[in-house]
Amino acid sequence: MLKLEKISKTYSPGTVNEKRVLNGISLDVKNGDFITIIGSNGAGKSTLFNVIAGSAAPSSGKIIFEGRDVTKTPEYIRARSMGRIFQNPLLGTSGNMSLEDNMTICRKKGFKSLKISLNDKLREQFRAELSRLNMGLENRLKDNVELLSGGQRQALTLLMTAMSRPRLVLLDEHTAALDPDNSNRVMDLTLQLREEYSLTMMMVTHNMNHAIKYGNRLLMMDAGDIIFDVSGDEKKNLTMETLMEKFRSIRKDRIADDRLLLA
């Protein structure tokens, strides 16, 4: 589905502030993959997502998405087939609009206007979709989204993303700002929607337990490189201890980011 060919990214090239963030990364993502990505702060994880989504252009290399070269394709074009959910629950929805208006906008078929598109049949569909969240949101279609909690907004964002039928979903620490209960609820919904909508997913996380528990493949990044790529039975048998030992054996160093160890 997605092929990265020697992707590099350097900010402020040729200046005293030059910073190389990605070092010639090559990666193949297969249809149906659920890839978890871990790494210390500054490892290049978010930059990797920015390059895939089109919000940042690579300094060199090529991006092939479903057989097409999208290296220079604008972000808004890629967004038709790629969804991205951020750590901040406020970024995925429009707070000053109602739940039903937000959900109308995210529909794949589009709309002529909110007033024309919304009808009782569509509202019933929305209620059915929202009821799966077990948050009572099916009874709050008229409420503005800004009235919802962070966990409710992130769950709504995830549901809306799935409803828009993307081919690839980028989860950028999408549970990091939530309390443990809401984090687990959103992760359960992530798995449910992935299965139902046959979504391919890549998930950046600082939670090593989540990285090990979820997905069929795990990548570890450090200083702009993918230093560890594991899948299959080897991933199933991973523990936090073996993962940290793998990092030390490759980098001859300890993991620098305490958030990874405390998660």
Protein backbone atom coordinates (compact mmCIF):
# COMPACT_ATOMS: atom_id res chain seq x y z
CA MET A 1 0.00 0.00 0.00
CA LEU A 2 2.70 2.47 1.03
CA LYS A 3 6.35 2.48 0.01
CA LEU A 4 8.95 4.93 1.28
CA GLU A 5 12.17 5.02 -0.71
CA LYS A 6 15.20 6.55 1.04
CA ILE A 7 13.22 9.36 2.67
CA SER A 8 15.37 12.07 4.28
CA LYS A 9 14.29 15.30 5.92
CA THR A 10 16.57 18.18 6.90
CA TYR A 11 15.34 21.44 8.39
CA SER A 12 17.19 24.74 7.75
CA PRO A 13 19.73 23.14 5.38
CA GLY A 14 22.95 25.06 4.85
CA THR A 15 22.52 27.16 8.00
CA VAL A 16 23.90 26.98 11.53
CA ASN A 17 20.49 25.62 12.56
CA GLU A 18 20.61 22.70 10.11
CA LYS A 19 19.00 19.62 11.63
CA ARG A 20 18.66 16.27 9.93
CA VAL A 21 15.55 14.50 11.24
CA LEU A 22 15.13 11.51 8.89
CA ASN A 23 18.08 9.57 7.49
CA GLY A 24 17.15 7.85 4.24
CA ILE A 25 14.27 5.76 5.60
CA SER A 26 12.87 2.97 3.43
CA LEU A 27 9.69 1.22 4.46
CA ASP A 28 7.02 -1.02 2.94
CA VAL A 29 3.54 -0.96 4.49
CA LYS A 30 1.22 -3.75 3.39
CA ASN A 31 -2.54 -3.53 3.03
CA GLY A 32 -4.10 -4.45 6.38
CA ASP A 33 -0.97 -3.79 8.47
CA PHE A 34 -1.28 -2.35 11.97
CA ILE A 35 2.20 -0.98 12.69
CA THR A 36 3.15 0.45 16.08
CA ILE A 37 6.06 2.91 16.22
CA ILE A 38 8.08 3.81 19.31
CA GLY A 39 11.13 5.96 19.95
CA SER A 40 12.48 8.68 22.19
CA ASN A 41 11.63 12.35 21.73
CA GLY A 42 13.36 13.62 18.60
CA ALA A 43 13.56 10.17 17.03
CA GLY A 44 11.66 11.41 13.95
CA LYS A 45 8.30 9.72 14.49
CA SER A 46 6.05 12.75 13.97
CA THR A 47 8.20 13.98 11.09
CA LEU A 48 7.75 10.59 9.44
CA PHE A 49 3.96 11.01 9.72
CA ASN A 50 4.19 14.60 8.43
CA VAL A 51 6.03 13.39 5.34
CA ILE A 52 3.57 10.55 4.71
CA ALA A 53 0.53 12.82 5.17
CA GLY A 54 2.01 15.60 3.02
CA SER A 55 2.24 18.31 5.68
CA ALA A 56 6.03 18.27 5.23
CA ALA A 57 7.97 17.64 2.03
CA PRO A 58 10.91 15.24 2.17
CA SER A 59 14.34 16.69 1.39
CA SER A 60 15.01 13.62 -0.75
CA GLY A 61 13.43 10.28 -1.52
CA LYS A 62 10.14 9.08 -2.93
CA ILE A 63 6.69 8.21 -1.54
CA ILE A 64 4.59 5.65 -3.40
CA PHE A 65 0.98 5.24 -2.25
CA GLU A 66 -1.09 2.49 -3.84
CA GLY A 67 1.16 2.45 -6.88
CA ARG A 68 1.22 6.23 -7.41
CA ASP A 69 4.08 8.62 -6.73
CA VAL A 70 2.61 11.11 -4.24
CA THR A 71 5.89 12.73 -3.18
CA LYS A 72 4.74 16.13 -4.45
CA THR A 73 0.99 15.60 -3.97
CA PRO A 74 -0.54 18.26 -1.65
CA GLU A 75 -1.77 17.28 1.80
CA TYR A 76 -5.42 18.03 1.02
CA ILE A 77 -5.33 15.57 -1.88
CA ARG A 78 -3.74 12.83 0.23
CA ALA A 79 -6.34 13.48 2.94
CA ARG A 80 -8.96 11.94 0.65
CA SER A 81 -7.43 8.53 1.31
CA MET A 82 -5.37 9.12 4.47
CA GLY A 83 -6.76 9.93 7.91
CA ARG A 84 -4.71 11.30 10.80
CA ILE A 85 -5.59 11.57 14.47
CA PHE A 86 -3.42 13.69 16.76
CA GLN A 87 -2.62 13.59 20.46
CA ASN A 88 -4.72 16.70 21.12
CA PRO A 89 -8.41 15.63 21.23
CA LEU A 90 -9.49 19.12 20.14
CA LEU A 91 -7.86 18.90 16.70
CA GLY A 92 -10.09 16.27 15.09
CA THR A 93 -13.43 18.01 15.40
CA SER A 94 -14.92 21.49 15.09
CA GLY A 95 -15.89 22.53 18.61
CA ASN A 96 -18.34 25.27 17.65
CA MET A 97 -20.38 22.91 15.48
CA SER A 98 -22.86 20.23 16.58
CA LEU A 99 -22.15 16.50 16.56
CA GLU A 100 -24.46 15.96 13.61
CA ASP A 101 -22.83 18.75 11.59
CA ASN A 102 -19.35 17.34 12.27
CA MET A 103 -20.46 13.88 11.22
CA THR A 104 -22.14 15.18 8.06
CA ILE A 105 -18.92 16.85 6.91
CA CYS A 106 -16.86 13.69 7.37
CA ARG A 107 -19.05 11.54 5.12
CA LYS A 108 -17.24 10.17 2.09
CA LYS A 109 -20.03 11.20 -0.30
CA GLY A 110 -19.73 14.84 0.68
CA PHE A 111 -22.64 17.25 0.88
CA LYS A 112 -24.26 20.22 -0.86
CA SER A 113 -24.82 22.07 2.39
CA LEU A 114 -25.43 21.05 5.99
CA LYS A 115 -29.05 22.14 5.82
CA ILE A 116 -29.76 20.16 2.63
CA SER A 117 -27.72 17.10 3.56
CA LEU A 118 -29.07 16.52 7.07
CA ASN A 119 -32.33 14.59 7.30
CA ASP A 120 -34.02 12.20 9.73
CA LYS A 121 -32.68 9.11 7.97
CA LEU A 122 -29.12 10.38 8.25
CA ARG A 123 -29.61 11.31 11.89
CA GLU A 124 -30.72 7.75 12.63
CA GLN A 125 -27.56 6.48 10.98
CA PHE A 126 -25.51 8.82 13.14
CA ARG A 127 -27.30 7.63 16.30
CA ALA A 128 -26.55 4.03 15.40
CA GLU A 129 -22.87 4.83 14.82
CA LEU A 130 -22.57 6.85 18.05
CA SER A 131 -24.30 4.21 20.18
CA ARG A 132 -21.31 1.88 19.73
CA LEU A 133 -19.19 4.32 21.74
CA ASN A 134 -21.27 3.65 24.88
CA MET A 135 -20.93 7.31 25.86
CA GLY A 136 -24.53 8.45 25.39
CA LEU A 137 -23.57 10.66 22.45
CA GLU A 138 -26.39 9.27 20.31
CA ASN A 139 -28.73 11.46 22.38
CA ARG A 140 -26.65 14.63 21.92
CA LEU A 141 -26.67 15.19 18.17
CA LYS A 142 -27.65 18.85 18.58
CA ASP A 143 -24.97 19.61 21.18
CA ASN A 144 -21.84 21.48 20.16
CA VAL A 145 -18.76 19.27 20.26
CA GLU A 146 -16.96 21.74 22.56
CA LEU A 147 -19.25 20.52 25.35
CA LEU A 148 -17.77 17.01 25.20
CA SER A 149 -14.88 15.69 27.29
CA GLY A 150 -11.48 14.99 25.77
CA GLY A 151 -12.14 11.25 25.71
CA GLN A 152 -15.52 11.74 24.04
CA ARG A 153 -14.03 14.04 21.40
CA GLN A 154 -11.19 11.63 20.61
CA ALA A 155 -13.63 8.71 20.31
CA LEU A 156 -15.81 10.84 18.02
CA THR A 157 -12.77 11.77 15.93
CA LEU A 158 -11.86 8.11 15.55
CA LEU A 159 -15.39 7.20 14.54
CA MET A 160 -15.59 10.06 12.03
CA THR A 161 -12.23 9.06 10.56
CA ALA A 162 -13.46 5.50 10.00
CA MET A 163 -16.73 6.77 8.50
CA SER A 164 -14.76 8.74 5.89
CA ARG A 165 -13.34 5.39 4.66
CA PRO A 166 -9.61 6.21 4.46
CA ARG A 167 -7.20 3.67 3.04
CA LEU A 168 -4.54 4.49 5.64
CA VAL A 169 -4.94 5.88 9.17
CA LEU A 170 -2.07 7.58 11.01
CA LEU A 171 -2.54 7.55 14.79
CA ASP A 172 -0.17 10.11 16.30
CA GLU A 173 -0.18 9.28 20.03
CA HIS A 174 -3.97 9.45 19.91
CA THR A 175 -4.45 8.17 23.49
CA ALA A 176 -1.58 10.06 25.17
CA ALA A 177 -3.71 12.94 26.48
CA LEU A 178 -6.43 10.68 27.91
CA ASP A 179 -6.84 9.15 31.34
CA PRO A 180 -6.31 5.34 31.55
CA ASP A 181 -10.01 4.50 31.34
CA ASN A 182 -10.63 6.63 28.25
CA SER A 183 -7.33 5.50 26.75
CA ASN A 184 -8.38 1.87 26.97
CA ARG A 185 -11.83 2.68 25.62
CA VAL A 186 -10.38 4.52 22.61
CA MET A 187 -7.91 1.68 21.95
CA ASP A 188 -10.76 -0.86 22.04
CA LEU A 189 -12.68 1.31 19.58
CA THR A 190 -9.55 1.58 17.40
CA LEU A 191 -9.37 -2.22 17.10
CA GLN A 192 -13.11 -2.52 16.51
CA LEU A 193 -13.19 0.06 13.71
CA ARG A 194 -10.00 -1.28 12.15
CA GLU A 195 -11.60 -4.71 11.86
CA GLU A 196 -14.98 -3.45 10.66
CA TYR A 197 -13.67 -1.02 8.05
CA SER A 198 -10.57 -3.08 7.07
CA LEU A 199 -8.28 -0.17 7.88
CA THR A 200 -4.50 -0.11 7.49
CA MET A 201 -3.01 1.70 10.50
CA MET A 202 0.27 3.13 11.72
CA MET A 203 0.36 4.18 15.38
CA VAL A 204 3.01 6.28 17.09
CA THR A 205 2.96 5.67 20.82
CA HIS A 206 5.06 6.33 23.91
CA ASN A 207 3.33 3.45 25.65
CA MET A 208 5.63 0.45 25.19
CA ASN A 209 2.94 -1.91 26.49
CA HIS A 210 0.56 -0.69 23.77
CA ALA A 211 3.30 -1.01 21.16
CA ILE A 212 3.92 -4.62 22.15
CA LYS A 213 0.28 -5.60 22.70
CA TYR A 214 -1.30 -4.13 19.57
CA GLY A 215 -0.60 -4.58 15.89
CA ASN A 216 1.17 -7.13 13.74
CA ARG A 217 4.44 -5.21 13.39
CA LEU A 218 6.58 -2.92 15.56
CA LEU A 219 9.13 -0.32 14.52
CA MET A 220 11.63 1.37 16.82
CA MET A 221 13.06 4.70 15.70
CA ASP A 222 16.09 6.54 17.00
CA ALA A 223 17.84 9.67 15.69
CA GLY A 224 16.03 9.56 12.36
CA ASP A 225 16.56 5.85 11.66
CA ILE A 226 14.39 2.76 11.93
CA ILE A 227 16.70 0.63 14.07
CA PHE A 228 14.38 -2.30 14.78
CA ASP A 229 11.56 -3.81 12.69
CA VAL A 230 9.81 -6.89 14.06
CA SER A 231 6.64 -8.79 13.17
CA GLY A 232 5.03 -12.21 13.40
CA ASP A 233 5.90 -14.60 16.23
CA GLU A 234 8.95 -12.56 17.17
CA LYS A 235 6.72 -9.58 17.95
CA LYS A 236 4.22 -11.74 19.83
CA ASN A 237 6.99 -12.91 22.13
CA LEU A 238 8.36 -9.43 22.82
CA THR A 239 8.48 -8.06 26.36
CA MET A 240 9.45 -4.59 27.55
CA GLU A 241 12.72 -6.01 28.88
CA THR A 242 13.67 -7.68 25.60
CA LEU A 243 12.74 -4.51 23.70
CA MET A 244 15.00 -2.35 25.85
CA GLU A 245 17.80 -4.89 25.58
CA LYS A 246 17.40 -4.85 21.79
CA PHE A 247 17.78 -1.06 21.80
CA ARG A 248 20.93 -1.28 23.92
CA SER A 249 22.45 -3.94 21.71
CA ILE A 250 21.86 -1.88 18.57
CA ARG A 251 22.69 1.61 19.83
CA LYS A 252 25.14 0.63 22.61
CA ASP A 253 23.24 3.07 24.81
CA ARG A 254 20.22 3.32 27.08
CA ILE A 255 16.79 4.60 26.01
CA ALA A 256 16.96 8.32 26.70
CA ASP A 257 13.28 9.15 27.04
CA ASP A 258 11.87 8.35 30.49
CA ARG A 259 8.32 8.56 29.08
CA LEU A 260 8.97 5.32 27.21
CA LEU A 261 10.08 3.56 30.37
CA LEU A 262 7.28 4.90 32.56
CA ALA A 263 4.42 4.27 30.11
